[in-house]
Amino acid sequence: MAEDKQKKDYCDAEDQKKVVEKMSDCDNASDNDKDRDECYTKVTKEDDGCMS
């Protein structure tokens, strides 16, 4: 994947899918709600808050 793509002000379906997949990983990897919430926060930060 190209890391040089421009930052967008919107999410396309591909971005959305990646975020959902990462959040799914958070669900599986977390022992409790606190871990999951921290993981979600990390995901949304990395994706520039790209959420619908």
PDB file of N, CA and C in Angstrom:
ATOM      1  N   MET A   1       0.834  -1.197   0.000  1.00  0.00           N
ATOM      2  CA  MET A   1       0.000   0.000   0.000  1.00  0.00           C
ATOM      3  C   MET A   1       0.872   1.251   0.000  1.00  0.00           C
ATOM      4  N   ALA A   2       0.488   2.236  -0.753  1.00  0.00           N
ATOM      5  CA  ALA A   2       1.269   3.464  -0.860  1.00  0.00           C
ATOM      6  C   ALA A   2       1.063   4.326   0.377  1.00  0.00           C
ATOM      7  N   GLU A   3       2.163   4.659   1.005  1.00  0.00           N
ATOM      8  CA  GLU A   3       2.085   5.484   2.207  1.00  0.00           C
ATOM      9  C   GLU A   3       2.026   6.970   1.861  1.00  0.00           C
ATOM     10  N   ASP A   4       2.230   7.284   0.593  1.00  0.00           N
ATOM     11  CA  ASP A   4       2.303   8.692   0.212  1.00  0.00           C
ATOM     12  C   ASP A   4       0.967   9.246  -0.263  1.00  0.00           C
ATOM     13  N   LYS A   5      -0.097   8.477  -0.100  1.00  0.00           N
ATOM     14  CA  LYS A   5      -1.383   8.998  -0.550  1.00  0.00           C
ATOM     15  C   LYS A   5      -1.811  10.164   0.327  1.00  0.00           C
ATOM     16  N   GLN A   6      -2.518  11.084  -0.259  1.00  0.00           N
ATOM     17  CA  GLN A   6      -2.928  12.294   0.445  1.00  0.00           C
ATOM     18  C   GLN A   6      -3.883  11.965   1.584  1.00  0.00           C
ATOM     19  N   LYS A   7      -3.779  12.761   2.637  1.00  0.00           N
ATOM     20  CA  LYS A   7      -4.741  12.626   3.726  1.00  0.00           C
ATOM     21  C   LYS A   7      -6.095  13.082   3.195  1.00  0.00           C
ATOM     22  N   LYS A   8      -7.120  12.330   3.541  1.00  0.00           N
ATOM     23  CA  LYS A   8      -8.445  12.654   3.034  1.00  0.00           C
ATOM     24  C   LYS A   8      -9.324  13.189   4.151  1.00  0.00           C
ATOM     25  N   ASP A   9     -10.326  13.946   3.765  1.00  0.00           N
ATOM     26  CA  ASP A   9     -11.292  14.459   4.729  1.00  0.00           C
ATOM     27  C   ASP A   9     -12.485  13.523   4.840  1.00  0.00           C
ATOM     28  N   TYR A  10     -12.434  12.434   4.107  1.00  0.00           N
ATOM     29  CA  TYR A  10     -13.560  11.509   4.088  1.00  0.00           C
ATOM     30  C   TYR A  10     -13.021  10.089   4.090  1.00  0.00           C
ATOM     31  N   CYS A  11     -13.902   9.140   4.312  1.00  0.00           N
ATOM     32  CA  CYS A  11     -13.521   7.736   4.285  1.00  0.00           C
ATOM     33  C   CYS A  11     -14.166   7.081   3.088  1.00  0.00           C
ATOM     34  N   ASP A  12     -13.396   6.291   2.366  1.00  0.00           N
ATOM     35  CA  ASP A  12     -14.038   5.476   1.350  1.00  0.00           C
ATOM     36  C   ASP A  12     -14.299   4.098   1.947  1.00  0.00           C
ATOM     37  N   ALA A  13     -14.947   3.252   1.202  1.00  0.00           N
ATOM     38  CA  ALA A  13     -15.342   1.945   1.723  1.00  0.00           C
ATOM     39  C   ALA A  13     -14.132   1.134   2.158  1.00  0.00           C
ATOM     40  N   GLU A  14     -13.038   1.282   1.437  1.00  0.00           N
ATOM     41  CA  GLU A  14     -11.827   0.525   1.748  1.00  0.00           C
ATOM     42  C   GLU A  14     -11.275   0.937   3.112  1.00  0.00           C
ATOM     43  N   ASP A  15     -11.236   2.236   3.369  1.00  0.00           N
ATOM     44  CA  ASP A  15     -10.774   2.739   4.672  1.00  0.00           C
ATOM     45  C   ASP A  15     -11.671   2.208   5.786  1.00  0.00           C
ATOM     46  N   GLN A  16     -12.955   2.283   5.541  1.00  0.00           N
ATOM     47  CA  GLN A  16     -13.931   1.865   6.531  1.00  0.00           C
ATOM     48  C   GLN A  16     -13.738   0.393   6.880  1.00  0.00           C
ATOM     49  N   LYS A  17     -13.516  -0.403   5.853  1.00  0.00           N
ATOM     50  CA  LYS A  17     -13.339  -1.844   6.039  1.00  0.00           C
ATOM     51  C   LYS A  17     -12.109  -2.124   6.904  1.00  0.00           C
ATOM     52  N   LYS A  18     -11.030  -1.396   6.644  1.00  0.00           N
ATOM     53  CA  LYS A  18      -9.800  -1.589   7.410  1.00  0.00           C
ATOM     54  C   LYS A  18     -10.010  -1.247   8.880  1.00  0.00           C
ATOM     55  N   VAL A  19     -10.712  -0.152   9.130  1.00  0.00           N
ATOM     56  CA  VAL A  19     -10.970   0.261  10.507  1.00  0.00           C
ATOM     57  C   VAL A  19     -11.795  -0.804  11.225  1.00  0.00           C
ATOM     58  N   VAL A  20     -12.821  -1.293  10.548  1.00  0.00           N
ATOM     59  CA  VAL A  20     -13.677  -2.319  11.149  1.00  0.00           C
ATOM     60  C   VAL A  20     -12.872  -3.577  11.452  1.00  0.00           C
ATOM     61  N   GLU A  21     -12.000  -3.957  10.535  1.00  0.00           N
ATOM     62  CA  GLU A  21     -11.167  -5.145  10.755  1.00  0.00           C
ATOM     63  C   GLU A  21     -10.240  -4.953  11.951  1.00  0.00           C
ATOM     64  N   LYS A  22      -9.640  -3.768  12.055  1.00  0.00           N
ATOM     65  CA  LYS A  22      -8.752  -3.500  13.188  1.00  0.00           C
ATOM     66  C   LYS A  22      -9.520  -3.529  14.500  1.00  0.00           C
ATOM     67  N   MET A  23     -10.736  -2.992  14.487  1.00  0.00           N
ATOM     68  CA  MET A  23     -11.544  -2.997  15.702  1.00  0.00           C
ATOM     69  C   MET A  23     -11.941  -4.419  16.070  1.00  0.00           C
ATOM     70  N   SER A  24     -12.160  -5.229  15.076  1.00  0.00           N
ATOM     71  CA  SER A  24     -12.459  -6.636  15.312  1.00  0.00           C
ATOM     72  C   SER A  24     -11.258  -7.307  15.981  1.00  0.00           C
ATOM     73  N   ASP A  25     -10.060  -6.968  15.509  1.00  0.00           N
ATOM     74  CA  ASP A  25      -8.836  -7.475  16.135  1.00  0.00           C
ATOM     75  C   ASP A  25      -8.761  -7.015  17.588  1.00  0.00           C
ATOM     76  N   CYS A  26      -9.165  -5.781  17.842  1.00  0.00           N
ATOM     77  CA  CYS A  26      -9.177  -5.263  19.213  1.00  0.00           C
ATOM     78  C   CYS A  26     -10.069  -6.133  20.087  1.00  0.00           C
ATOM     79  N   ASP A  27     -11.244  -6.456  19.574  1.00  0.00           N
ATOM     80  CA  ASP A  27     -12.176  -7.288  20.336  1.00  0.00           C
ATOM     81  C   ASP A  27     -11.526  -8.610  20.714  1.00  0.00           C
ATOM     82  N   ASN A  28     -10.837  -9.206  19.763  1.00  0.00           N
ATOM     83  CA  ASN A  28     -10.236 -10.519  19.983  1.00  0.00           C
ATOM     84  C   ASN A  28      -9.017 -10.457  20.898  1.00  0.00           C
ATOM     85  N   ALA A  29      -8.273  -9.361  20.841  1.00  0.00           N
ATOM     86  CA  ALA A  29      -7.004  -9.271  21.554  1.00  0.00           C
ATOM     87  C   ALA A  29      -7.151  -8.743  22.982  1.00  0.00           C
ATOM     88  N   SER A  30      -8.296  -8.150  23.295  1.00  0.00           N
ATOM     89  CA  SER A  30      -8.448  -7.482  24.584  1.00  0.00           C
ATOM     90  C   SER A  30      -9.042  -8.400  25.639  1.00  0.00           C
ATOM     91  N   ASP A  31      -8.515  -8.263  26.852  1.00  0.00           N
ATOM     92  CA  ASP A  31      -9.002  -9.076  27.965  1.00  0.00           C
ATOM     93  C   ASP A  31     -10.218  -8.447  28.629  1.00  0.00           C
ATOM     94  N   ASN A  32     -10.329  -7.129  28.511  1.00  0.00           N
ATOM     95  CA  ASN A  32     -11.420  -6.439  29.191  1.00  0.00           C
ATOM     96  C   ASN A  32     -11.798  -5.170  28.431  1.00  0.00           C
ATOM     97  N   ASP A  33     -12.828  -4.482  28.907  1.00  0.00           N
ATOM     98  CA  ASP A  33     -13.326  -3.295  28.218  1.00  0.00           C
ATOM     99  C   ASP A  33     -12.286  -2.189  28.134  1.00  0.00           C
ATOM    100  N   LYS A  34     -11.488  -2.043  29.190  1.00  0.00           N
ATOM    101  CA  LYS A  34     -10.477  -0.987  29.199  1.00  0.00           C
ATOM    102  C   LYS A  34      -9.457  -1.214  28.086  1.00  0.00           C
ATOM    103  N   ASP A  35      -8.968  -2.441  27.973  1.00  0.00           N
ATOM    104  CA  ASP A  35      -8.024  -2.764  26.900  1.00  0.00           C
ATOM    105  C   ASP A  35      -8.641  -2.498  25.533  1.00  0.00           C
ATOM    106  N   ARG A  36      -9.890  -2.908  25.386  1.00  0.00           N
ATOM    107  CA  ARG A  36     -10.567  -2.746  24.103  1.00  0.00           C
ATOM    108  C   ARG A  36     -10.716  -1.263  23.758  1.00  0.00           C
ATOM    109  N   ASP A  37     -11.132  -0.469  24.733  1.00  0.00           N
ATOM    110  CA  ASP A  37     -11.305   0.961  24.490  1.00  0.00           C
ATOM    111  C   ASP A  37      -9.993   1.630  24.105  1.00  0.00           C
ATOM    112  N   GLU A  38      -8.907   1.244  24.778  1.00  0.00           N
ATOM    113  CA  GLU A  38      -7.600   1.811  24.442  1.00  0.00           C
ATOM    114  C   GLU A  38      -7.200   1.414  23.029  1.00  0.00           C
ATOM    115  N   CYS A  39      -7.492   0.182  22.670  1.00  0.00           N
ATOM    116  CA  CYS A  39      -7.183  -0.313  21.333  1.00  0.00           C
ATOM    117  C   CYS A  39      -7.998   0.450  20.287  1.00  0.00           C
ATOM    118  N   TYR A  40      -9.288   0.646  20.554  1.00  0.00           N
ATOM    119  CA  TYR A  40     -10.149   1.411  19.640  1.00  0.00           C
ATOM    120  C   TYR A  40      -9.600   2.822  19.436  1.00  0.00           C
ATOM    121  N   THR A  41      -9.190   3.443  20.532  1.00  0.00           N
ATOM    122  CA  THR A  41      -8.660   4.800  20.463  1.00  0.00           C
ATOM    123  C   THR A  41      -7.433   4.844  19.566  1.00  0.00           C
ATOM    124  N   LYS A  42      -6.559   3.855  19.731  1.00  0.00           N
ATOM    125  CA  LYS A  42      -5.358   3.770  18.915  1.00  0.00           C
ATOM    126  C   LYS A  42      -5.719   3.618  17.430  1.00  0.00           C
ATOM    127  N   VAL A  43      -6.677   2.771  17.150  1.00  0.00           N
ATOM    128  CA  VAL A  43      -7.106   2.537  15.769  1.00  0.00           C
ATOM    129  C   VAL A  43      -7.636   3.825  15.141  1.00  0.00           C
ATOM    130  N   THR A  44      -8.509   4.521  15.847  1.00  0.00           N
ATOM    131  CA  THR A  44      -9.099   5.725  15.268  1.00  0.00           C
ATOM    132  C   THR A  44      -8.066   6.830  15.111  1.00  0.00           C
ATOM    133  N   LYS A  45      -7.084   6.903  16.023  1.00  0.00           N
ATOM    134  CA  LYS A  45      -6.012   7.887  15.871  1.00  0.00           C
ATOM    135  C   LYS A  45      -5.166   7.576  14.646  1.00  0.00           C
ATOM    136  N   GLU A  46      -4.789   6.315  14.485  1.00  0.00           N
ATOM    137  CA  GLU A  46      -3.952   5.917  13.354  1.00  0.00           C
ATOM    138  C   GLU A  46      -4.644   6.177  12.027  1.00  0.00           C
ATOM    139  N   ASP A  47      -5.953   6.060  12.030  1.00  0.00           N
ATOM    140  CA  ASP A  47      -6.709   6.261  10.804  1.00  0.00           C
ATOM    141  C   ASP A  47      -7.266   7.675  10.719  1.00  0.00           C
ATOM    142  N   ASP A  48      -6.673   8.588  11.466  1.00  0.00           N
ATOM    143  CA  ASP A  48      -7.057   9.999  11.437  1.00  0.00           C
ATOM    144  C   ASP A  48      -8.534  10.211  11.726  1.00  0.00           C
ATOM    145  N   GLY A  49      -9.043   9.421  12.637  1.00  0.00           N
ATOM    146  CA  GLY A  49     -10.445   9.585  13.004  1.00  0.00           C
ATOM    147  C   GLY A  49     -11.377   9.270  11.849  1.00  0.00           C
ATOM    148  N   CYS A  50     -10.941   8.414  10.970  1.00  0.00           N
ATOM    149  CA  CYS A  50     -11.722   8.081   9.786  1.00  0.00           C
ATOM    150  C   CYS A  50     -12.840   7.119  10.169  1.00  0.00           C
ATOM    151  N   MET A  51     -13.901   7.673  10.703  1.00  0.00           N
ATOM    152  CA  MET A  51     -15.037   6.845  11.110  1.00  0.00           C
ATOM    153  C   MET A  51     -16.324   7.461  10.592  1.00  0.00           C
ATOM    154  N   SER A  52     -17.288   6.612  10.316  1.00  0.00           N
ATOM    155  CA  SER A  52     -18.564   7.148   9.833  1.00  0.00           C
ATOM    156  C   SER A  52     -19.479   7.419  11.011  1.00  0.00           C
TER     157      SER A  52
END
